[in-house]
Amino acid sequence: MRSRSPLAVVVVAAIAAACATAALSRPPATTDAKFGRPISDADIAPWDIDIRTTDGKGLPPGHGSVAEGKAVYEAKCLSCHGSDAKGGPVYGPMVGGIGSFTTSARVLTPGSMYPYAPILFDYIRRAMPMDKPLTLTTNEIYAVSAYILNLNGLVPADAVMNETSMPKVQMPNRDGFIPDDRPDTHATRCMKDCL
């Protein structure tokens, strides 16, 4: 069996390099892309679910009562969070702990740690149920939020949460956070003519 000639190997390598260089340096056939389509606001809407938690800007229209929330909770949340949100096989309690952040034995619950009630809505919408996130309806999320807030003693049993009432709930730990005043936290979004 005969080995390949070193000259043939060099020639083949040179040809491959020349082809690659030519392909990379070739200008595009046109400067106007002729594929895809412009994205519309309607296309973006399903992903545009940000909520400004301090005042609830971005909360969607809808509503849910404490009683409705209990029914949704028992159907879709109880298996992980336990009866009355006191803790279950997957998650710890979602009630209690109010005031515990001033001690060394902190109890992390929505009532003890969230500074603003819309955070609860936002978290439930994005992450729950754990095995099917983003499947609860807006009304179900408001209802479960109302139920959890009620279990924490933050809203009465007849409360109805919606985009207006939820930001008005005074969370116990609202003033328990230190503002981040580092200069790099004041970045502003810039999309054109930025300096």
Protein backbone atom coordinates (compact mmCIF):
# COMPACT_ATOMS: atom_id res chain seq x y z
CA MET A 1 0.00 0.00 0.00
CA ARG A 2 1.36 3.33 -1.01
CA SER A 3 1.26 6.47 1.16
CA ARG A 4 -0.08 9.73 -0.19
CA SER A 5 2.36 12.14 -1.64
CA PRO A 6 3.18 15.06 0.73
CA LEU A 7 2.75 17.40 -2.23
CA ALA A 8 -0.84 16.17 -2.83
CA VAL A 9 -1.73 16.78 0.82
CA VAL A 10 -0.33 20.33 0.65
CA VAL A 11 -2.24 21.07 -2.58
CA VAL A 12 -5.54 19.81 -1.16
CA ALA A 13 -5.04 21.87 2.02
CA ALA A 14 -4.24 25.00 -0.01
CA ILE A 15 -7.36 24.57 -2.15
CA ALA A 16 -9.55 24.12 0.96
CA ALA A 17 -8.04 27.24 2.56
CA ALA A 18 -8.59 29.29 -0.59
CA CYS A 19 -12.25 28.20 -0.80
CA ALA A 20 -12.85 29.10 2.86
CA THR A 21 -11.19 32.50 2.45
CA ALA A 22 -13.21 33.27 -0.68
CA ALA A 23 -16.47 32.33 1.05
CA LEU A 24 -15.71 34.54 4.06
CA SER A 25 -14.63 37.57 2.05
CA ARG A 26 -17.50 37.46 -0.44
CA PRO A 27 -20.03 40.30 0.12
CA PRO A 28 -23.66 39.28 0.61
CA ALA A 29 -25.74 39.01 -2.53
CA THR A 30 -28.02 41.77 -1.27
CA THR A 31 -28.10 44.16 1.66
CA ASP A 32 -31.85 43.71 2.18
CA ALA A 33 -32.83 40.51 3.92
CA LYS A 34 -35.78 38.87 2.22
CA PHE A 35 -36.80 36.50 4.99
CA GLY A 36 -38.78 36.68 8.22
CA ARG A 37 -41.33 39.33 9.04
CA PRO A 38 -41.44 42.36 11.32
CA ILE A 39 -42.46 41.52 14.86
CA SER A 40 -45.64 43.19 16.07
CA ASP A 41 -46.80 44.25 19.51
CA ALA A 42 -49.24 41.31 19.41
CA ASP A 43 -46.31 38.93 18.84
CA ILE A 44 -44.50 40.32 21.87
CA ALA A 45 -47.54 40.52 24.19
CA PRO A 46 -47.36 36.91 25.51
CA TRP A 47 -43.78 37.52 26.68
CA ASP A 48 -44.29 41.07 27.91
CA ILE A 49 -45.44 40.15 31.41
CA ASP A 50 -43.27 42.46 33.48
CA ILE A 51 -44.88 44.02 36.53
CA ARG A 52 -43.47 47.01 38.33
CA THR A 53 -43.86 45.70 41.82
CA THR A 54 -43.80 49.01 43.69
CA ASP A 55 -47.07 50.22 42.17
CA GLY A 56 -48.40 47.26 40.18
CA LYS A 57 -47.91 48.82 36.75
CA GLY A 58 -48.30 45.99 34.28
CA LEU A 59 -50.77 43.95 36.33
CA PRO A 60 -53.32 42.60 33.86
CA PRO A 61 -57.08 43.12 34.08
CA GLY A 62 -58.81 40.42 36.09
CA HIS A 63 -59.91 39.60 39.62
CA GLY A 64 -60.05 36.84 42.18
CA SER A 65 -61.51 36.46 45.66
CA VAL A 66 -60.15 34.71 48.73
CA ALA A 67 -62.86 32.02 48.42
CA GLU A 68 -62.04 31.42 44.76
CA GLY A 69 -58.37 31.30 45.67
CA LYS A 70 -58.95 28.60 48.25
CA ALA A 71 -60.63 26.43 45.61
CA VAL A 72 -57.81 26.98 43.09
CA TYR A 73 -55.21 26.39 45.81
CA GLU A 74 -56.79 23.09 46.85
CA ALA A 75 -56.97 21.92 43.22
CA LYS A 76 -53.55 23.06 41.98
CA CYS A 77 -51.26 23.99 44.88
CA LEU A 78 -52.03 21.81 47.91
CA SER A 79 -50.02 18.77 46.78
CA CYS A 80 -46.76 20.75 46.97
CA HIS A 81 -47.51 23.49 49.52
CA GLY A 82 -49.66 21.54 51.98
CA SER A 83 -52.93 22.30 53.71
CA ASP A 84 -53.57 26.01 54.33
CA ALA A 85 -50.13 26.77 52.80
CA LYS A 86 -48.44 25.62 56.00
CA GLY A 87 -45.84 23.60 54.10
CA GLY A 88 -45.93 20.41 52.13
CA PRO A 89 -43.70 17.72 50.69
CA VAL A 90 -42.08 20.06 48.14
CA TYR A 91 -42.21 23.56 49.64
CA GLY A 92 -42.08 25.06 53.10
CA PRO A 93 -44.73 27.32 54.58
CA MET A 94 -46.18 30.31 52.77
CA VAL A 95 -47.81 31.68 55.92
CA GLY A 96 -46.42 33.12 59.11
CA GLY A 97 -43.04 34.57 59.80
CA ILE A 98 -44.25 38.17 59.87
CA GLY A 99 -41.75 40.13 61.93
CA SER A 100 -39.18 37.34 61.83
CA PHE A 101 -36.81 39.36 59.65
CA THR A 102 -35.79 41.36 62.71
CA THR A 103 -34.58 38.14 64.37
CA SER A 104 -31.92 35.57 63.57
CA ALA A 105 -34.63 32.94 62.94
CA ARG A 106 -36.11 34.27 59.72
CA VAL A 107 -39.15 32.53 58.27
CA LEU A 108 -39.35 33.12 54.54
CA THR A 109 -42.94 33.53 53.39
CA PRO A 110 -44.65 35.99 51.04
CA GLY A 111 -46.07 37.76 54.10
CA SER A 112 -42.73 38.08 55.83
CA MET A 113 -40.38 38.95 53.01
CA TYR A 114 -42.18 40.55 50.05
CA PRO A 115 -42.12 44.34 50.24
CA TYR A 116 -44.96 44.70 47.69
CA ALA A 117 -47.96 42.46 47.03
CA PRO A 118 -47.62 42.49 43.19
CA ILE A 119 -44.44 40.42 43.63
CA LEU A 120 -46.68 37.54 44.73
CA PHE A 121 -48.79 37.80 41.56
CA ASP A 122 -45.67 38.01 39.39
CA TYR A 123 -44.00 35.00 41.01
CA ILE A 124 -47.09 32.80 40.86
CA ARG A 125 -47.69 33.69 37.21
CA ARG A 126 -44.13 32.95 36.13
CA ALA A 127 -43.31 29.91 38.24
CA MET A 128 -46.39 28.07 39.48
CA PRO A 129 -47.49 25.34 39.45
CA MET A 130 -43.95 24.04 39.43
CA ASP A 131 -44.76 21.32 36.88
CA LYS A 132 -46.84 23.62 34.64
CA PRO A 133 -45.68 27.24 34.94
CA LEU A 134 -47.57 29.91 33.00
CA THR A 135 -50.75 27.79 32.91
CA LEU A 136 -52.86 29.56 35.54
CA THR A 137 -55.34 32.10 34.26
CA THR A 138 -55.08 35.71 35.38
CA ASN A 139 -58.19 35.30 37.54
CA GLU A 140 -56.75 32.15 39.15
CA ILE A 141 -53.53 34.01 39.97
CA TYR A 142 -55.41 36.92 41.54
CA ALA A 143 -57.52 34.45 43.51
CA VAL A 144 -54.58 32.41 44.82
CA SER A 145 -52.79 35.66 45.68
CA ALA A 146 -55.85 36.82 47.63
CA TYR A 147 -56.01 33.49 49.47
CA ILE A 148 -52.32 33.56 50.45
CA LEU A 149 -52.52 37.20 51.52
CA ASN A 150 -55.58 36.31 53.62
CA LEU A 151 -53.83 33.35 55.25
CA ASN A 152 -51.07 35.78 56.24
CA GLY A 153 -53.64 38.12 57.81
CA LEU A 154 -52.96 40.88 55.28
CA VAL A 155 -56.40 41.07 53.64
CA PRO A 156 -59.88 40.18 54.98
CA ALA A 157 -61.76 37.00 54.04
CA ASP A 158 -64.00 38.95 51.65
CA ALA A 159 -61.10 40.58 49.77
CA VAL A 160 -60.96 40.60 46.00
CA MET A 161 -57.60 41.16 44.35
CA ASN A 162 -57.29 42.92 41.01
CA GLU A 163 -54.93 45.33 39.29
CA THR A 164 -56.16 48.20 41.50
CA SER A 165 -56.51 46.54 44.91
CA MET A 166 -53.36 44.41 44.91
CA PRO A 167 -50.82 47.29 44.89
CA LYS A 168 -52.68 48.86 47.84
CA VAL A 169 -52.00 45.92 50.16
CA GLN A 170 -49.53 47.08 52.80
CA MET A 171 -46.93 44.37 53.21
CA PRO A 172 -45.38 44.14 56.70
CA ASN A 173 -41.78 44.17 55.46
CA ARG A 174 -42.21 47.06 53.02
CA ASP A 175 -39.73 49.22 54.90
CA GLY A 176 -37.37 46.38 55.76
CA PHE A 177 -35.13 46.86 52.73
CA ILE A 178 -32.15 49.14 52.25
CA PRO A 179 -32.16 51.12 48.99
CA ASP A 180 -29.30 50.19 46.69
CA ASP A 181 -27.72 53.57 46.04
CA ARG A 182 -24.57 52.40 44.29
CA PRO A 183 -23.97 54.55 41.17
CA ASP A 184 -24.03 51.58 38.80
CA THR A 185 -27.60 50.70 39.83
CA HIS A 186 -28.98 53.84 38.19
CA ALA A 187 -28.39 52.68 34.64
CA THR A 188 -30.96 53.90 32.17
CA ARG A 189 -32.04 52.03 29.10
CA CYS A 190 -30.76 53.50 25.88
CA MET A 191 -31.59 52.25 22.40
CA LYS A 192 -30.40 55.14 20.20
CA ASP A 193 -27.70 57.82 20.29
CA CYS A 194 -26.36 56.56 23.62
CA LEU A 195 -23.27 58.02 25.21
